[in-house]
């Protein structure tokens, strides 16, 4: 009987394989880091863009978008007074309220009219009757609210941000605490009302609604 002699891998071959595997893993991790950084930059850019659009509207018309009580007369695309806000200087309503109709009816709250007025003014893309809230880089909504979590004034809110990302945002832009500073957060299942409870820490297995003070 003739036996075939089997040849194993040499140390050099094993080392080459390990180097290739290491390069592949490093490439995957680097790609994930680049994606994360791109999403973070988009969040920051979206927040800055909404703030700039809101203050530009206020400078131009001396009213806040959504709260503007002269929007019908200001923009020819509107034909009904229901598009107007009440002009009291505050954008009323909950940031993520669901609209059952478009902003041409009187049943829509000012937080839904906010984006429609900005679109009518040409400050953000879209149609003037469209009250659809933009989506953030992590799939949640972007909204506006007055006095969320006891923060004085208006805030932009980015919904459903993953815990690890919320930690990074806090570290980069604020004081690292979810219940203090210019950025405060609450669990998605919690309330963003004035009396809502802010998160003191961020858990990796949770998602948060993050309020950025304007």
Protein backbone atom coordinates (compact mmCIF):
# COMPACT_ATOMS: atom_id res chain seq x y z
CA UNK A 1 0.00 0.00 0.00
CA UNK A 2 1.34 3.39 -0.98
CA UNK A 3 0.86 6.33 1.42
CA UNK A 4 0.63 9.95 0.20
CA UNK A 5 2.60 12.41 2.20
CA UNK A 6 0.48 15.43 3.16
CA UNK A 7 2.17 18.80 3.29
CA UNK A 8 1.02 21.31 5.95
CA UNK A 9 1.08 25.10 5.85
CA UNK A 10 4.37 26.75 6.55
CA UNK A 11 4.73 29.49 9.14
CA UNK A 12 5.18 32.02 6.34
CA UNK A 13 1.91 31.01 4.68
CA UNK A 14 0.03 31.16 7.99
CA UNK A 15 1.51 34.60 8.68
CA UNK A 16 0.39 35.84 5.25
CA UNK A 17 -3.16 34.58 5.86
CA UNK A 18 -3.27 36.27 9.27
CA UNK A 19 -2.07 39.55 7.74
CA UNK A 20 -4.78 39.37 5.06
CA UNK A 21 -7.47 38.61 7.65
CA UNK A 22 -6.23 41.50 9.79
CA UNK A 23 -6.37 43.87 6.83
CA UNK A 24 -9.91 42.77 6.01
CA UNK A 25 -11.08 43.26 9.61
CA UNK A 26 -9.34 46.63 9.77
CA UNK A 27 -11.02 47.68 6.53
CA UNK A 28 -14.46 46.71 7.83
CA UNK A 29 -13.92 48.59 11.12
CA UNK A 30 -12.61 51.63 9.29
CA UNK A 31 -15.63 51.56 6.99
CA UNK A 32 -17.99 51.42 9.98
CA UNK A 33 -16.16 54.34 11.58
CA UNK A 34 -16.49 56.38 8.39
CA UNK A 35 -20.24 55.65 8.19
CA UNK A 36 -20.71 56.63 11.84
CA UNK A 37 -18.78 59.89 11.36
CA UNK A 38 -20.80 60.70 8.24
CA UNK A 39 -24.08 60.20 10.13
CA UNK A 40 -22.86 62.32 13.04
CA UNK A 41 -21.90 65.12 10.69
CA UNK A 42 -25.31 64.91 9.06
CA UNK A 43 -27.02 65.27 12.46
CA UNK A 44 -24.95 68.33 13.26
CA UNK A 45 -25.57 69.75 9.79
CA UNK A 46 -29.33 69.15 10.01
CA UNK A 47 -29.51 70.88 13.38
CA UNK A 48 -27.53 73.87 12.16
CA UNK A 49 -29.63 74.03 8.97
CA UNK A 50 -32.96 74.04 10.81
CA UNK A 51 -31.74 76.69 13.25
CA UNK A 52 -30.49 78.86 10.38
CA UNK A 53 -33.78 78.46 8.47
CA UNK A 54 -35.88 79.31 11.53
CA UNK A 55 -33.90 82.44 12.41
CA UNK A 56 -33.78 83.54 8.76
CA UNK A 57 -37.59 83.29 8.64
CA UNK A 58 -37.86 85.27 11.87
CA UNK A 59 -35.47 87.95 10.61
CA UNK A 60 -37.31 88.24 7.31
CA UNK A 61 -40.92 88.23 8.52
CA UNK A 62 -40.61 89.08 12.25
CA UNK A 63 -42.59 85.94 13.06
CA UNK A 64 -41.71 82.33 13.78
CA UNK A 65 -42.48 79.64 11.20
CA UNK A 66 -45.49 77.64 12.31
CA UNK A 67 -46.59 80.45 14.61
CA UNK A 68 -46.86 83.01 11.77
CA UNK A 69 -50.38 84.52 11.85
CA UNK A 70 -49.96 86.15 8.43
CA UNK A 71 -48.73 83.16 6.42
CA UNK A 72 -51.82 83.11 4.19
CA UNK A 73 -51.28 86.68 3.03
CA UNK A 74 -47.52 86.27 2.88
CA UNK A 75 -47.41 83.29 0.53
CA UNK A 76 -49.63 83.13 -2.54
CA UNK A 77 -49.68 79.33 -2.48
CA UNK A 78 -51.94 79.46 0.58
CA UNK A 79 -55.63 80.15 0.09
CA UNK A 80 -57.07 79.43 3.54
CA UNK A 81 -56.45 81.20 6.84
CA UNK A 82 -56.09 77.80 8.52
CA UNK A 83 -52.42 77.78 7.50
CA UNK A 84 -51.77 80.60 9.97
CA UNK A 85 -50.45 80.20 13.49
CA UNK A 86 -51.67 82.30 16.39
CA UNK A 87 -48.73 84.68 16.45
CA UNK A 88 -48.06 84.43 20.18
CA UNK A 89 -44.30 84.01 19.78
CA UNK A 90 -44.22 80.30 20.61
CA UNK A 91 -44.50 77.31 18.28
CA UNK A 92 -47.25 75.36 20.01
CA UNK A 93 -47.68 71.61 20.07
CA UNK A 94 -45.77 68.38 20.59
CA UNK A 95 -42.78 67.82 18.32
CA UNK A 96 -43.90 64.43 16.98
CA UNK A 97 -47.66 64.95 16.83
CA UNK A 98 -49.22 63.04 13.93
CA UNK A 99 -51.07 65.22 11.44
CA UNK A 100 -54.35 63.81 10.19
CA UNK A 101 -54.62 66.47 7.47
CA UNK A 102 -52.33 68.91 5.70
CA UNK A 103 -51.62 72.40 7.01
CA UNK A 104 -54.45 74.02 5.03
CA UNK A 105 -56.92 72.91 7.68
CA UNK A 106 -57.38 74.32 11.15
CA UNK A 107 -56.76 70.98 12.86
CA UNK A 108 -53.01 71.02 12.37
CA UNK A 109 -50.90 72.24 15.28
CA UNK A 110 -48.12 74.79 14.86
CA UNK A 111 -45.30 72.25 15.20
CA UNK A 112 -46.66 70.63 12.02
CA UNK A 113 -47.04 73.97 10.25
CA UNK A 114 -43.41 74.81 11.07
CA UNK A 115 -41.86 72.93 8.14
CA UNK A 116 -44.64 73.99 5.76
CA UNK A 117 -43.95 77.68 6.42
CA UNK A 118 -40.21 77.15 5.98
CA UNK A 119 -40.89 75.41 2.66
CA UNK A 120 -43.22 78.20 1.54
CA UNK A 121 -40.44 80.69 2.25
CA UNK A 122 -37.97 78.63 0.20
CA UNK A 123 -35.71 78.10 3.21
CA UNK A 124 -35.88 74.30 3.06
CA UNK A 125 -36.79 72.04 0.10
CA UNK A 126 -40.34 70.85 -0.49
CA UNK A 127 -43.89 72.04 -1.09
CA UNK A 128 -45.57 74.68 1.06
CA UNK A 129 -48.55 72.47 1.95
CA UNK A 130 -46.27 69.59 2.92
CA UNK A 131 -46.00 69.31 6.71
CA UNK A 132 -43.90 66.13 6.59
CA UNK A 133 -41.15 66.10 9.18
CA UNK A 134 -37.65 65.31 7.88
CA UNK A 135 -35.92 62.10 8.91
CA UNK A 136 -32.58 62.09 10.67
CA UNK A 137 -29.58 59.92 9.79
CA UNK A 138 -30.79 57.15 12.12
CA UNK A 139 -34.32 56.96 10.75
CA UNK A 140 -36.14 58.95 13.44
CA UNK A 141 -38.08 62.17 12.92
CA UNK A 142 -36.77 65.69 13.29
CA UNK A 143 -39.17 68.10 14.98
CA UNK A 144 -39.50 71.38 16.86
CA UNK A 145 -40.95 71.99 20.30
CA UNK A 146 -41.17 74.80 22.81
CA UNK A 147 -39.99 74.03 26.36
CA UNK A 148 -39.13 70.35 25.95
CA UNK A 149 -37.77 68.73 29.13
CA UNK A 150 -37.96 72.08 30.88
CA UNK A 151 -35.47 73.73 28.49
CA UNK A 152 -36.28 77.40 28.07
CA UNK A 153 -37.30 78.29 24.52
CA UNK A 154 -37.47 76.24 21.36
CA UNK A 155 -35.50 73.09 20.65
CA UNK A 156 -35.00 70.85 17.67
CA UNK A 157 -35.57 67.20 18.54
CA UNK A 158 -33.88 64.28 16.81
CA UNK A 159 -35.83 61.09 17.43
CA UNK A 160 -34.67 57.51 18.01
CA UNK A 161 -30.92 58.08 18.31
CA UNK A 162 -28.96 54.97 19.35
CA UNK A 163 -27.39 55.05 22.81
CA UNK A 164 -23.73 54.82 21.68
CA UNK A 165 -24.31 57.64 19.17
CA UNK A 166 -26.06 59.77 21.80
CA UNK A 167 -22.95 59.43 23.99
CA UNK A 168 -20.72 60.63 21.18
CA UNK A 169 -22.99 63.59 20.37
CA UNK A 170 -23.04 64.63 24.05
CA UNK A 171 -19.26 64.37 24.31
CA UNK A 172 -18.66 66.32 21.13
CA UNK A 173 -21.26 69.05 21.49
CA UNK A 174 -22.22 69.33 25.15
CA UNK A 175 -21.37 68.32 28.72
CA UNK A 176 -21.81 64.55 28.44
CA UNK A 177 -24.93 64.47 30.63
CA UNK A 178 -28.37 63.77 29.20
CA UNK A 179 -30.16 65.91 31.78
CA UNK A 180 -28.18 69.15 31.62
CA UNK A 181 -26.62 71.58 29.16
CA UNK A 182 -27.82 72.64 25.72
CA UNK A 183 -28.55 69.03 24.69
CA UNK A 184 -30.92 66.96 26.81
CA UNK A 185 -32.48 63.61 26.08
CA UNK A 186 -35.24 61.24 27.09
CA UNK A 187 -35.91 57.61 26.29
CA UNK A 188 -38.02 57.13 23.17
CA UNK A 189 -40.79 55.70 25.34
CA UNK A 190 -40.60 58.72 27.65
CA UNK A 191 -42.05 62.22 27.39
CA UNK A 192 -40.42 65.32 25.90
CA UNK A 193 -42.93 67.58 27.66
CA UNK A 194 -41.82 70.37 30.00
CA UNK A 195 -42.39 67.98 32.89
CA UNK A 196 -40.72 65.04 31.14
CA UNK A 197 -37.82 63.18 32.75
CA UNK A 198 -34.44 63.54 31.07
CA UNK A 199 -31.98 60.64 30.95
CA UNK A 200 -28.99 61.02 33.29
CA UNK A 201 -26.89 58.45 31.43
CA UNK A 202 -27.02 56.75 28.03
CA UNK A 203 -27.40 52.98 27.76
CA UNK A 204 -26.03 51.29 24.65
CA UNK A 205 -29.15 49.14 24.24
CA UNK A 206 -31.61 52.07 24.27
CA UNK A 207 -32.71 54.80 21.86
CA UNK A 208 -33.21 58.43 22.83
CA UNK A 209 -34.99 61.54 21.62
CA UNK A 210 -32.40 64.32 21.79
CA UNK A 211 -33.37 67.99 22.24
CA UNK A 212 -30.93 70.63 20.97
CA UNK A 213 -31.54 74.09 22.36
CA UNK A 214 -31.76 76.73 19.63
